[in-house]
Amino acid sequence: MPLHPQAEAVRARRAAAGTPPLYTRTLAEARAADLADIRAATGNPEPVGAVEEFTVDGPGGPLTLRHYRPEPRAGTDPPGPALLYLYGGGWVLGSLETGDAICRALANATRADVLAVGYRHAPEHRFPAAVHDCWAALDWIARHAPQLGLDPGRIAVGGDSAGGNLAAALTLLARERGGPAIRHQLLVYPNTDHRLPPPGADEDPALFNRHSVAWYWSHYLADPADGANPLASPLRAPSLAGLPPATVITAEYDPLREQGEQYAEALRAAGVPVELRRWDGMPHGFFAMPGVLDDGRAAQLFAADRLREALR
């Protein structure tokens, strides 16, 4: 179908304003513009019961964890479920702030505690630094779940774009290392293979496009050969058997759509229960844009329904 009218309006505004693509800017400019764009498109962030920030030890130094509770937890309440949500941004952009509205929305809609980690970014810290940081956060959450009022047997991981890539990598590591147990994985238009989409994919400079993908990978990988590592390209894992059930969300106008859907099919072929949902007419990034795209909110609610069912 054509680009959705709401998405077309966003694209047209960017084109008319002559907004330069992020991949043409300096890192500092791109990071500031990414945060501004997301804040403008998220709408009003939802209030939650409580938000706490603290630091934990990471492989490269202290890591910041932000903990969203949908409602205050009393000491007499039974342990609740948790979602470790990893923000997107191509491993280069993004922050706890760019992921804040999504975390709040998912906490309220799932009634689960949501935790986010401020992992290290490329090119200052290239692959596998972000994977190691996210693993340290997952391991810490699982080990300290009782102190947080959480059930270590009801932990999910999720993320959008590069965050989906990192979430998928965590499931591979958890399988390899024998835990922590992951109940579910939410992968929102994830990067699953460092090999670029074929020429002819949508290259509109007003949308996330094939050039965007190449720019992010060029910053993330110190050596292109690292792209063959399944922790960078989960689609290239020799086996996906034994991974947790998955929800995979893709967007029609997204150069990552094909590899996201291939990953869902590869999971299914390996015996992993998968729910794949494509949003027609939507571009990459729509999940973070509920303030201007109704389907962004619909996708968040769909993801929450899947997580709530998985974490019962």
C-alpha atoms as a PDB file:
ATOM      1  CA  MET A   1       0.000   0.000   0.000  1.00  0.00           C
ATOM      2  CA  PRO A   2       1.147   3.635  -0.306  1.00  0.00           C
ATOM      3  CA  LEU A   3       2.880   5.344   2.577  1.00  0.00           C
ATOM      4  CA  HIS A   4       0.187   6.002   5.186  1.00  0.00           C
ATOM      5  CA  PRO A   5      -1.189   9.585   4.948  1.00  0.00           C
ATOM      6  CA  GLN A   6       0.072  10.388   8.458  1.00  0.00           C
ATOM      7  CA  ALA A   7       3.544   9.050   7.603  1.00  0.00           C
ATOM      8  CA  GLU A   8       3.479  10.889   4.271  1.00  0.00           C
ATOM      9  CA  ALA A   9       2.735  14.125   6.130  1.00  0.00           C
ATOM     10  CA  VAL A  10       5.817  13.575   8.310  1.00  0.00           C
ATOM     11  CA  ARG A  11       7.926  12.799   5.238  1.00  0.00           C
ATOM     12  CA  ALA A  12       6.627  15.846   3.379  1.00  0.00           C
ATOM     13  CA  ARG A  13       7.356  18.177   6.286  1.00  0.00           C
ATOM     14  CA  ARG A  14      10.935  16.942   6.472  1.00  0.00           C
ATOM     15  CA  ALA A  15      11.405  17.269   2.728  1.00  0.00           C
ATOM     16  CA  ALA A  16       9.896  20.766   2.606  1.00  0.00           C
ATOM     17  CA  ALA A  17      12.080  21.915   5.493  1.00  0.00           C
ATOM     18  CA  GLY A  18      15.192  20.565   3.784  1.00  0.00           C
ATOM     19  CA  THR A  19      16.040  18.575   6.906  1.00  0.00           C
ATOM     20  CA  PRO A  20      19.396  16.902   6.255  1.00  0.00           C
ATOM     21  CA  PRO A  21      19.555  13.140   6.878  1.00  0.00           C
ATOM     22  CA  LEU A  22      21.206  12.128  10.118  1.00  0.00           C
ATOM     23  CA  TYR A  23      23.925  10.297   8.200  1.00  0.00           C
ATOM     24  CA  THR A  24      25.114  13.581   6.667  1.00  0.00           C
ATOM     25  CA  ARG A  25      25.677  15.285  10.036  1.00  0.00           C
ATOM     26  CA  THR A  26      28.404  15.175  12.640  1.00  0.00           C
ATOM     27  CA  LEU A  27      27.863  12.719  15.478  1.00  0.00           C
ATOM     28  CA  ALA A  28      27.021  15.509  17.902  1.00  0.00           C
ATOM     29  CA  GLU A  29      24.525  17.036  15.473  1.00  0.00           C
ATOM     30  CA  ALA A  30      22.956  13.664  14.669  1.00  0.00           C
ATOM     31  CA  ARG A  31      22.557  12.756  18.340  1.00  0.00           C
ATOM     32  CA  ALA A  32      20.918  16.071  19.185  1.00  0.00           C
ATOM     33  CA  ALA A  33      18.634  15.937  16.137  1.00  0.00           C
ATOM     34  CA  ASP A  34      17.614  12.340  16.867  1.00  0.00           C
ATOM     35  CA  LEU A  35      16.573  13.254  20.408  1.00  0.00           C
ATOM     36  CA  ALA A  36      14.673  16.319  19.196  1.00  0.00           C
ATOM     37  CA  ASP A  37      12.882  14.343  16.474  1.00  0.00           C
ATOM     38  CA  ILE A  38      11.816  11.606  18.868  1.00  0.00           C
ATOM     39  CA  ARG A  39      10.583  14.042  21.491  1.00  0.00           C
ATOM     40  CA  ALA A  40       8.529  15.845  18.846  1.00  0.00           C
ATOM     41  CA  ALA A  41       6.917  12.598  17.668  1.00  0.00           C
ATOM     42  CA  THR A  42       6.254  10.751  20.919  1.00  0.00           C
ATOM     43  CA  GLY A  43       3.487  12.962  22.245  1.00  0.00           C
ATOM     44  CA  ASN A  44       3.250  13.564  25.959  1.00  0.00           C
ATOM     45  CA  PRO A  45       5.190  10.901  27.891  1.00  0.00           C
ATOM     46  CA  GLU A  46       2.854   8.966  30.174  1.00  0.00           C
ATOM     47  CA  PRO A  47       3.175   9.291  33.932  1.00  0.00           C
ATOM     48  CA  VAL A  48       4.064   6.049  35.710  1.00  0.00           C
ATOM     49  CA  GLY A  49       3.982   4.980  39.315  1.00  0.00           C
ATOM     50  CA  ALA A  50       7.675   5.584  39.951  1.00  0.00           C
ATOM     51  CA  VAL A  51      10.964   6.063  38.133  1.00  0.00           C
ATOM     52  CA  GLU A  52      14.331   5.361  39.752  1.00  0.00           C
ATOM     53  CA  GLU A  53      17.854   5.584  38.373  1.00  0.00           C
ATOM     54  CA  PHE A  54      20.890   3.807  39.741  1.00  0.00           C
ATOM     55  CA  THR A  55      24.250   2.534  38.560  1.00  0.00           C
ATOM     56  CA  VAL A  56      25.583  -0.992  38.354  1.00  0.00           C
ATOM     57  CA  ASP A  57      28.972  -2.360  37.424  1.00  0.00           C
ATOM     58  CA  GLY A  58      29.526  -2.864  33.715  1.00  0.00           C
ATOM     59  CA  PRO A  59      32.434  -4.267  31.714  1.00  0.00           C
ATOM     60  CA  GLY A  60      33.573  -0.768  30.740  1.00  0.00           C
ATOM     61  CA  GLY A  61      32.622   1.079  33.917  1.00  0.00           C
ATOM     62  CA  PRO A  62      29.393   2.062  35.685  1.00  0.00           C
ATOM     63  CA  LEU A  63      26.156   1.561  33.764  1.00  0.00           C
ATOM     64  CA  THR A  64      23.007   3.574  34.402  1.00  0.00           C
ATOM     65  CA  LEU A  65      19.782   1.621  34.814  1.00  0.00           C
ATOM     66  CA  ARG A  66      16.436   3.381  34.756  1.00  0.00           C
ATOM     67  CA  HIS A  67      13.608   1.491  36.468  1.00  0.00           C
ATOM     68  CA  TYR A  68       9.977   2.258  35.568  1.00  0.00           C
ATOM     69  CA  ARG A  69       7.277   0.906  37.858  1.00  0.00           C
ATOM     70  CA  PRO A  70       3.680   1.077  36.608  1.00  0.00           C
ATOM     71  CA  GLU A  71       2.570   1.525  40.201  1.00  0.00           C
ATOM     72  CA  PRO A  72       4.333   1.650  43.571  1.00  0.00           C
ATOM     73  CA  ARG A  73       5.151  -1.815  44.878  1.00  0.00           C
ATOM     74  CA  ALA A  74       4.488  -2.645  48.500  1.00  0.00           C
ATOM     75  CA  GLY A  75       6.673  -5.047  50.398  1.00  0.00           C
ATOM     76  CA  THR A  76       3.757  -7.446  50.681  1.00  0.00           C
ATOM     77  CA  ASP A  77       3.088  -7.542  46.915  1.00  0.00           C
ATOM     78  CA  PRO A  78       4.043 -10.744  45.079  1.00  0.00           C
ATOM     79  CA  PRO A  79       7.095 -10.489  42.786  1.00  0.00           C
ATOM     80  CA  GLY A  80       6.169  -9.005  39.435  1.00  0.00           C
ATOM     81  CA  PRO A  81       7.364  -9.445  35.844  1.00  0.00           C
ATOM     82  CA  ALA A  82      10.040  -7.308  34.185  1.00  0.00           C
ATOM     83  CA  LEU A  83      11.040  -6.161  30.727  1.00  0.00           C
ATOM     84  CA  LEU A  84      14.581  -5.068  29.887  1.00  0.00           C
ATOM     85  CA  TYR A  85      13.970  -2.615  27.035  1.00  0.00           C
ATOM     86  CA  LEU A  86      16.872  -1.532  24.826  1.00  0.00           C
ATOM     87  CA  TYR A  87      16.480   1.721  22.904  1.00  0.00           C
ATOM     88  CA  GLY A  88      17.334   2.072  19.232  1.00  0.00           C
ATOM     89  CA  GLY A  89      19.607   4.475  17.424  1.00  0.00           C
ATOM     90  CA  GLY A  90      21.876   2.305  15.339  1.00  0.00           C
ATOM     91  CA  TRP A  91      24.240   1.690  18.292  1.00  0.00           C
ATOM     92  CA  VAL A  92      25.427   5.268  17.607  1.00  0.00           C
ATOM     93  CA  LEU A  93      22.520   7.522  18.573  1.00  0.00           C
ATOM     94  CA  GLY A  94      19.844   7.050  21.194  1.00  0.00           C
ATOM     95  CA  SER A  95      19.848   7.321  24.964  1.00  0.00           C
ATOM     96  CA  LEU A  96      17.734   6.656  28.002  1.00  0.00           C
ATOM     97  CA  GLU A  97      15.901   9.842  27.030  1.00  0.00           C
ATOM     98  CA  THR A  98      15.042   8.725  23.487  1.00  0.00           C
ATOM     99  CA  GLY A  99      13.629   5.480  24.879  1.00  0.00           C
ATOM    100  CA  ASP A 100      11.836   7.087  27.820  1.00  0.00           C
ATOM    101  CA  ALA A 101       8.349   7.448  26.325  1.00  0.00           C
ATOM    102  CA  ILE A 102       8.296   3.878  24.999  1.00  0.00           C
ATOM    103  CA  CYS A 103       9.357   2.505  28.388  1.00  0.00           C
ATOM    104  CA  ARG A 104       6.639   4.471  30.145  1.00  0.00           C
ATOM    105  CA  ALA A 105       3.971   3.338  27.686  1.00  0.00           C
ATOM    106  CA  LEU A 106       4.999  -0.317  27.920  1.00  0.00           C
ATOM    107  CA  ALA A 107       5.168  -0.230  31.716  1.00  0.00           C
ATOM    108  CA  ASN A 108       1.608   1.082  31.923  1.00  0.00           C
ATOM    109  CA  ALA A 109       0.187  -1.187  29.226  1.00  0.00           C
ATOM    110  CA  THR A 110       1.874  -4.397  30.416  1.00  0.00           C
ATOM    111  CA  ARG A 111       1.696  -3.680  34.173  1.00  0.00           C
ATOM    112  CA  ALA A 112       5.266  -4.990  34.260  1.00  0.00           C
ATOM    113  CA  ASP A 113       8.304  -3.156  35.548  1.00  0.00           C
ATOM    114  CA  VAL A 114      10.432  -1.880  32.673  1.00  0.00           C
ATOM    115  CA  LEU A 115      14.161  -1.351  32.994  1.00  0.00           C
ATOM    116  CA  ALA A 116      16.407   0.413  30.493  1.00  0.00           C
ATOM    117  CA  VAL A 117      20.192   0.563  30.369  1.00  0.00           C
ATOM    118  CA  GLY A 118      22.417   3.342  29.055  1.00  0.00           C
ATOM    119  CA  TYR A 119      24.787   1.143  27.079  1.00  0.00           C
ATOM    120  CA  ARG A 120      27.970   2.390  25.404  1.00  0.00           C
ATOM    121  CA  HIS A 121      27.743   3.764  21.876  1.00  0.00           C
ATOM    122  CA  ALA A 122      29.824   3.453  18.748  1.00  0.00           C
ATOM    123  CA  PRO A 123      32.091   4.684  17.296  1.00  0.00           C
ATOM    124  CA  GLU A 124      33.619   5.527  20.669  1.00  0.00           C
ATOM    125  CA  HIS A 125      32.901   1.955  21.773  1.00  0.00           C
ATOM    126  CA  ARG A 126      32.406  -0.423  18.873  1.00  0.00           C
ATOM    127  CA  PHE A 127      30.971  -3.951  18.750  1.00  0.00           C
ATOM    128  CA  PRO A 128      30.694  -5.874  21.030  1.00  0.00           C
ATOM    129  CA  ALA A 129      30.721  -3.186  23.766  1.00  0.00           C
ATOM    130  CA  ALA A 130      26.961  -2.561  23.601  1.00  0.00           C
ATOM    131  CA  VAL A 131      26.219  -6.300  23.709  1.00  0.00           C
ATOM    132  CA  HIS A 132      28.417  -6.744  26.774  1.00  0.00           C
ATOM    133  CA  ASP A 133      26.787  -3.788  28.544  1.00  0.00           C
ATOM    134  CA  CYS A 134      23.284  -5.073  27.880  1.00  0.00           C
ATOM    135  CA  TRP A 135      24.295  -8.532  29.048  1.00  0.00           C
ATOM    136  CA  ALA A 136      25.678  -7.053  32.279  1.00  0.00           C
ATOM    137  CA  ALA A 137      22.362  -5.269  32.833  1.00  0.00           C
ATOM    138  CA  LEU A 138      20.309  -8.421  32.194  1.00  0.00           C
ATOM    139  CA  ASP A 139      22.519 -10.493  34.482  1.00  0.00           C
ATOM    140  CA  TRP A 140      22.329  -7.871  37.232  1.00  0.00           C
ATOM    141  CA  ILE A 141      18.535  -7.620  36.988  1.00  0.00           C
ATOM    142  CA  ALA A 142      18.128 -11.391  37.161  1.00  0.00           C
ATOM    143  CA  ARG A 143      20.447 -11.712  40.165  1.00  0.00           C
ATOM    144  CA  HIS A 144      18.870  -8.799  42.038  1.00  0.00           C
ATOM    145  CA  ALA A 145      15.265  -9.464  41.069  1.00  0.00           C
ATOM    146  CA  PRO A 146      14.120 -10.312  44.628  1.00  0.00           C
ATOM    147  CA  GLN A 147      15.474  -7.003  45.971  1.00  0.00           C
ATOM    148  CA  LEU A 148      13.629  -5.182  43.188  1.00  0.00           C
ATOM    149  CA  GLY A 149      10.382  -6.998  43.917  1.00  0.00           C
ATOM    150  CA  LEU A 150      10.645  -8.902  40.635  1.00  0.00           C
ATOM    151  CA  ASP A 151      10.253 -12.522  39.624  1.00  0.00           C
ATOM    152  CA  PRO A 152      13.484 -13.778  37.994  1.00  0.00           C
ATOM    153  CA  GLY A 153      11.431 -16.366  36.118  1.00  0.00           C
ATOM    154  CA  ARG A 154       9.348 -13.701  34.369  1.00  0.00           C
ATOM    155  CA  ILE A 155      11.852 -11.508  32.561  1.00  0.00           C
ATOM    156  CA  ALA A 156      11.506 -10.454  28.924  1.00  0.00           C
ATOM    157  CA  VAL A 157      13.897  -8.544  26.684  1.00  0.00           C
ATOM    158  CA  GLY A 158      12.965  -6.184  23.907  1.00  0.00           C
ATOM    159  CA  GLY A 159      14.028  -3.258  21.822  1.00  0.00           C
ATOM    160  CA  ASP A 160      13.536  -1.337  18.608  1.00  0.00           C
ATOM    161  CA  SER A 161      15.948  -1.268  15.646  1.00  0.00           C
ATOM    162  CA  ALA A 162      19.472  -1.599  17.089  1.00  0.00           C
ATOM    163  CA  GLY A 163      17.791  -2.294  20.422  1.00  0.00           C
ATOM    164  CA  GLY A 164      16.005  -5.224  18.805  1.00  0.00           C
ATOM    165  CA  ASN A 165      19.355  -6.427  17.508  1.00  0.00           C
ATOM    166  CA  LEU A 166      20.792  -6.268  21.031  1.00  0.00           C
ATOM    167  CA  ALA A 167      17.769  -8.041  22.516  1.00  0.00           C
ATOM    168  CA  ALA A 168      18.169 -10.868  20.003  1.00  0.00           C
ATOM    169  CA  ALA A 169      21.868 -11.077  20.854  1.00  0.00           C
ATOM    170  CA  LEU A 170      21.009 -11.414  24.551  1.00  0.00           C
ATOM    171  CA  THR A 171      18.825 -14.436  23.862  1.00  0.00           C
ATOM    172  CA  LEU A 172      21.738 -16.101  22.051  1.00  0.00           C
ATOM    173  CA  LEU A 173      24.085 -15.360  24.944  1.00  0.00           C
ATOM    174  CA  ALA A 174      21.583 -16.577  27.535  1.00  0.00           C
ATOM    175  CA  ARG A 175      21.170 -19.847  25.646  1.00  0.00           C
ATOM    176  CA  GLU A 176      24.935 -20.258  25.380  1.00  0.00           C
ATOM    177  CA  ARG A 177      25.566 -19.477  29.053  1.00  0.00           C
ATOM    178  CA  GLY A 178      22.626 -21.361  30.517  1.00  0.00           C
ATOM    179  CA  GLY A 179      20.680 -18.316  31.692  1.00  0.00           C
ATOM    180  CA  PRO A 180      19.311 -16.003  32.868  1.00  0.00           C
ATOM    181  CA  ALA A 181      15.972 -17.364  31.788  1.00  0.00           C
ATOM    182  CA  ILE A 182      14.234 -15.109  29.258  1.00  0.00           C
ATOM    183  CA  ARG A 183      10.492 -15.588  28.984  1.00  0.00           C
ATOM    184  CA  HIS A 184       9.939 -13.601  25.770  1.00  0.00           C
ATOM    185  CA  GLN A 185      11.716 -11.427  23.194  1.00  0.00           C
ATOM    186  CA  LEU A 186      10.142  -8.351  21.600  1.00  0.00           C
ATOM    187  CA  LEU A 187      11.951  -7.353  18.400  1.00  0.00           C
ATOM    188  CA  VAL A 188      10.712  -4.164  16.773  1.00  0.00           C
ATOM    189  CA  TYR A 189      12.044  -3.714  13.202  1.00  0.00           C
ATOM    190  CA  PRO A 190      15.354  -5.270  14.321  1.00  0.00           C
ATOM    191  CA  ASN A 191      18.687  -5.256  12.508  1.00  0.00           C
ATOM    192  CA  THR A 192      19.459  -8.952  12.129  1.00  0.00           C
ATOM    193  CA  ASP A 193      22.166  -9.049   9.418  1.00  0.00           C
ATOM    194  CA  HIS A 194      25.008  -6.618   8.701  1.00  0.00           C
ATOM    195  CA  ARG A 195      24.714  -7.283   4.974  1.00  0.00           C
ATOM    196  CA  LEU A 196      22.984  -4.279   3.406  1.00  0.00           C
ATOM    197  CA  PRO A 197      19.549  -4.408   1.810  1.00  0.00           C
ATOM    198  CA  PRO A 198      19.783  -4.813  -1.971  1.00  0.00           C
ATOM    199  CA  PRO A 199      19.954  -1.719  -4.180  1.00  0.00           C
ATOM    200  CA  GLY A 200      16.494  -0.507  -5.036  1.00  0.00           C
ATOM    201  CA  ALA A 201      15.305  -0.430  -1.440  1.00  0.00           C
ATOM    202  CA  ASP A 202      13.604   2.843  -0.578  1.00  0.00           C
ATOM    203  CA  GLU A 203      16.317   5.507  -0.462  1.00  0.00           C
ATOM    204  CA  ASP A 204      14.170   8.590   0.194  1.00  0.00           C
ATOM    205  CA  PRO A 205      16.462  10.952   2.169  1.00  0.00           C
ATOM    206  CA  ALA A 206      13.474  12.113   4.232  1.00  0.00           C
ATOM    207  CA  LEU A 207      13.048   8.572   5.603  1.00  0.00           C
ATOM    208  CA  PHE A 208      15.310   6.001   7.228  1.00  0.00           C
ATOM    209  CA  ASN A 209      16.884   4.327   4.202  1.00  0.00           C
ATOM    210  CA  ARG A 210      19.618   2.053   2.910  1.00  0.00           C
ATOM    211  CA  HIS A 211      22.238   4.801   3.385  1.00  0.00           C
ATOM    212  CA  SER A 212      21.157   5.145   7.014  1.00  0.00           C
ATOM    213  CA  VAL A 213      21.735   1.420   7.547  1.00  0.00           C
ATOM    214  CA  ALA A 214      25.215   1.572   6.021  1.00  0.00           C
ATOM    215  CA  TRP A 215      26.156   4.616   8.118  1.00  0.00           C
ATOM    216  CA  TYR A 216      25.206   2.912  11.390  1.00  0.00           C
ATOM    217  CA  TRP A 217      27.016  -0.323  10.583  1.00  0.00           C
ATOM    218  CA  SER A 218      30.139   1.614   9.534  1.00  0.00           C
ATOM    219  CA  HIS A 219      30.286   3.136  13.005  1.00  0.00           C
ATOM    220  CA  TYR A 220      29.383  -0.025  14.917  1.00  0.00           C
ATOM    221  CA  LEU A 221      31.827  -2.533  13.431  1.00  0.00           C
ATOM    222  CA  ALA A 222      35.554  -2.011  13.843  1.00  0.00           C
ATOM    223  CA  ASP A 223      36.138  -4.696  11.216  1.00  0.00           C
ATOM    224  CA  PRO A 224      33.518  -5.651   8.592  1.00  0.00           C
ATOM    225  CA  ALA A 225      34.370  -9.287   9.326  1.00  0.00           C
ATOM    226  CA  ASP A 226      32.775  -8.800  12.752  1.00  0.00           C
ATOM    227  CA  GLY A 227      29.436  -8.641  10.980  1.00  0.00           C
ATOM    228  CA  ALA A 228      29.492 -12.422  10.595  1.00  0.00           C
ATOM    229  CA  ASN A 229      29.401 -12.811  14.386  1.00  0.00           C
ATOM    230  CA  PRO A 230      25.868 -13.858  15.415  1.00  0.00           C
ATOM    231  CA  LEU A 231      25.985 -11.323  18.256  1.00  0.00           C
ATOM    232  CA  ALA A 232      26.157  -8.648  15.547  1.00  0.00           C
ATOM    233  CA  SER A 233      24.026 -10.476  12.971  1.00  0.00           C
ATOM    234  CA  PRO A 234      21.646 -12.864  14.776  1.00  0.00           C
ATOM    235  CA  LEU A 235      20.262 -14.082  11.444  1.00  0.00           C
ATOM    236  CA  ARG A 236      23.663 -15.669  10.816  1.00  0.00           C
ATOM    237  CA  ALA A 237      23.572 -17.833  13.953  1.00  0.00           C
ATOM    238  CA  PRO A 238      24.096 -21.525  13.053  1.00  0.00           C
ATOM    239  CA  SER A 239      20.976 -22.425  15.024  1.00  0.00           C
ATOM    240  CA  LEU A 240      18.116 -20.504  16.619  1.00  0.00           C
ATOM    241  CA  ALA A 241      16.685 -23.552  18.376  1.00  0.00           C
ATOM    242  CA  GLY A 242      15.815 -23.178  22.027  1.00  0.00           C
ATOM    243  CA  LEU A 243      15.422 -19.404  22.002  1.00  0.00           C
ATOM    244  CA  PRO A 244      12.496 -17.761  23.817  1.00  0.00           C
ATOM    245  CA  PRO A 245       9.183 -17.127  22.076  1.00  0.00           C
ATOM    246  CA  ALA A 246       9.211 -13.943  20.040  1.00  0.00           C
ATOM    247  CA  THR A 247       7.101 -11.056  18.877  1.00  0.00           C
ATOM    248  CA  VAL A 248       8.524  -9.432  15.748  1.00  0.00           C
ATOM    249  CA  ILE A 249       7.180  -6.133  14.436  1.00  0.00           C
ATOM    250  CA  THR A 250       8.149  -4.801  11.004  1.00  0.00           C
ATOM    251  CA  ALA A 251       7.242  -1.802   8.863  1.00  0.00           C
ATOM    252  CA  GLU A 252       6.458  -1.886   5.147  1.00  0.00           C
ATOM    253  CA  TYR A 253       8.594   1.148   4.230  1.00  0.00           C
ATOM    254  CA  ASP A 254      11.736   0.032   6.031  1.00  0.00           C
ATOM    255  CA  PRO A 255      14.987  -1.242   4.496  1.00  0.00           C
ATOM    256  CA  LEU A 256      15.236  -3.608   7.493  1.00  0.00           C
ATOM    257  CA  ARG A 257      11.829  -5.175   6.858  1.00  0.00           C
ATOM    258  CA  GLU A 258      13.058  -8.164   4.883  1.00  0.00           C
ATOM    259  CA  GLN A 259      15.751  -9.197   7.352  1.00  0.00           C
ATOM    260  CA  GLY A 260      13.390  -8.746  10.295  1.00  0.00           C
ATOM    261  CA  GLU A 261      10.839 -10.994   8.644  1.00  0.00           C
ATOM    262  CA  GLN A 262      13.534 -13.485   7.637  1.00  0.00           C
ATOM    263  CA  TYR A 263      14.586 -13.670  11.279  1.00  0.00           C
ATOM    264  CA  ALA A 264      11.012 -14.343  12.355  1.00  0.00           C
ATOM    265  CA  GLU A 265      10.750 -17.140   9.801  1.00  0.00           C
ATOM    266  CA  ALA A 266      14.128 -18.572  10.842  1.00  0.00           C
ATOM    267  CA  LEU A 267      12.985 -18.613  14.474  1.00  0.00           C
ATOM    268  CA  ARG A 268       9.778 -20.362  13.461  1.00  0.00           C
ATOM    269  CA  ALA A 269      11.689 -22.912  11.382  1.00  0.00           C
ATOM    270  CA  ALA A 270      13.824 -23.641  14.445  1.00  0.00           C
ATOM    271  CA  GLY A 271      10.725 -24.440  16.487  1.00  0.00           C
ATOM    272  CA  VAL A 272      10.467 -21.105  18.311  1.00  0.00           C
ATOM    273  CA  PRO A 273       6.906 -19.751  18.697  1.00  0.00           C
ATOM    274  CA  VAL A 274       6.733 -16.445  16.806  1.00  0.00           C
ATOM    275  CA  GLU A 275       4.112 -13.798  16.215  1.00  0.00           C
ATOM    276  CA  LEU A 276       5.117 -11.647  13.229  1.00  0.00           C
ATOM    277  CA  ARG A 277       3.167  -8.470  12.520  1.00  0.00           C
ATOM    278  CA  ARG A 278       3.930  -6.084   9.654  1.00  0.00           C
ATOM    279  CA  TRP A 279       2.506  -2.567   9.746  1.00  0.00           C
ATOM    280  CA  ASP A 280       1.677  -1.647   6.169  1.00  0.00           C
ATOM    281  CA  GLY A 281       2.212   1.946   5.112  1.00  0.00           C
ATOM    282  CA  MET A 282       4.591   2.629   7.989  1.00  0.00           C
ATOM    283  CA  PRO A 283       8.269   3.669   7.886  1.00  0.00           C
ATOM    284  CA  HIS A 284      11.104   2.586  10.147  1.00  0.00           C
ATOM    285  CA  GLY A 285      10.829   4.348  13.488  1.00  0.00           C
ATOM    286  CA  PHE A 286       7.037   4.464  13.648  1.00  0.00           C
ATOM    287  CA  PHE A 287       6.936   2.567  16.958  1.00  0.00           C
ATOM    288  CA  ALA A 288       8.529   5.608  18.645  1.00  0.00           C
ATOM    289  CA  MET A 289       6.139   8.086  16.997  1.00  0.00           C
ATOM    290  CA  PRO A 290       2.690   7.634  18.600  1.00  0.00           C
ATOM    291  CA  GLY A 291       2.274  11.397  18.905  1.00  0.00           C
ATOM    292  CA  VAL A 292       2.026  11.764  15.107  1.00  0.00           C
ATOM    293  CA  LEU A 293       1.303   8.209  13.886  1.00  0.00           C
ATOM    294  CA  ASP A 294      -1.742   6.379  15.219  1.00  0.00           C
ATOM    295  CA  ASP A 295      -0.169   3.083  14.170  1.00  0.00           C
ATOM    296  CA  GLY A 296       2.760   3.816  16.464  1.00  0.00           C
ATOM    297  CA  ARG A 297       0.405   3.689  19.427  1.00  0.00           C
ATOM    298  CA  ALA A 298      -1.389   0.642  18.006  1.00  0.00           C
ATOM    299  CA  ALA A 299       1.922  -1.190  17.661  1.00  0.00           C
ATOM    300  CA  GLN A 300       2.898  -0.358  21.230  1.00  0.00           C
ATOM    301  CA  LEU A 301      -0.415  -1.728  22.497  1.00  0.00           C
ATOM    302  CA  PHE A 302      -0.004  -4.859  20.366  1.00  0.00           C
ATOM    303  CA  ALA A 303       3.496  -5.377  21.810  1.00  0.00           C
ATOM    304  CA  ALA A 304       2.156  -4.836  25.318  1.00  0.00           C
ATOM    305  CA  ASP A 305      -0.608  -7.383  24.797  1.00  0.00           C
ATOM    306  CA  ARG A 306       1.952  -9.950  23.668  1.00  0.00           C
ATOM    307  CA  LEU A 307       4.240  -9.221  26.603  1.00  0.00           C
ATOM    308  CA  ARG A 308       1.439  -9.240  29.141  1.00  0.00           C
ATOM    309  CA  GLU A 309       0.333 -12.665  27.920  1.00  0.00           C
ATOM    310  CA  ALA A 310       3.897 -14.008  27.938  1.00  0.00           C
ATOM    311  CA  LEU A 311       4.702 -12.685  31.425  1.00  0.00           C
ATOM    312  CA  ARG A 312       1.584 -13.931  33.219  1.00  0.00           C
END
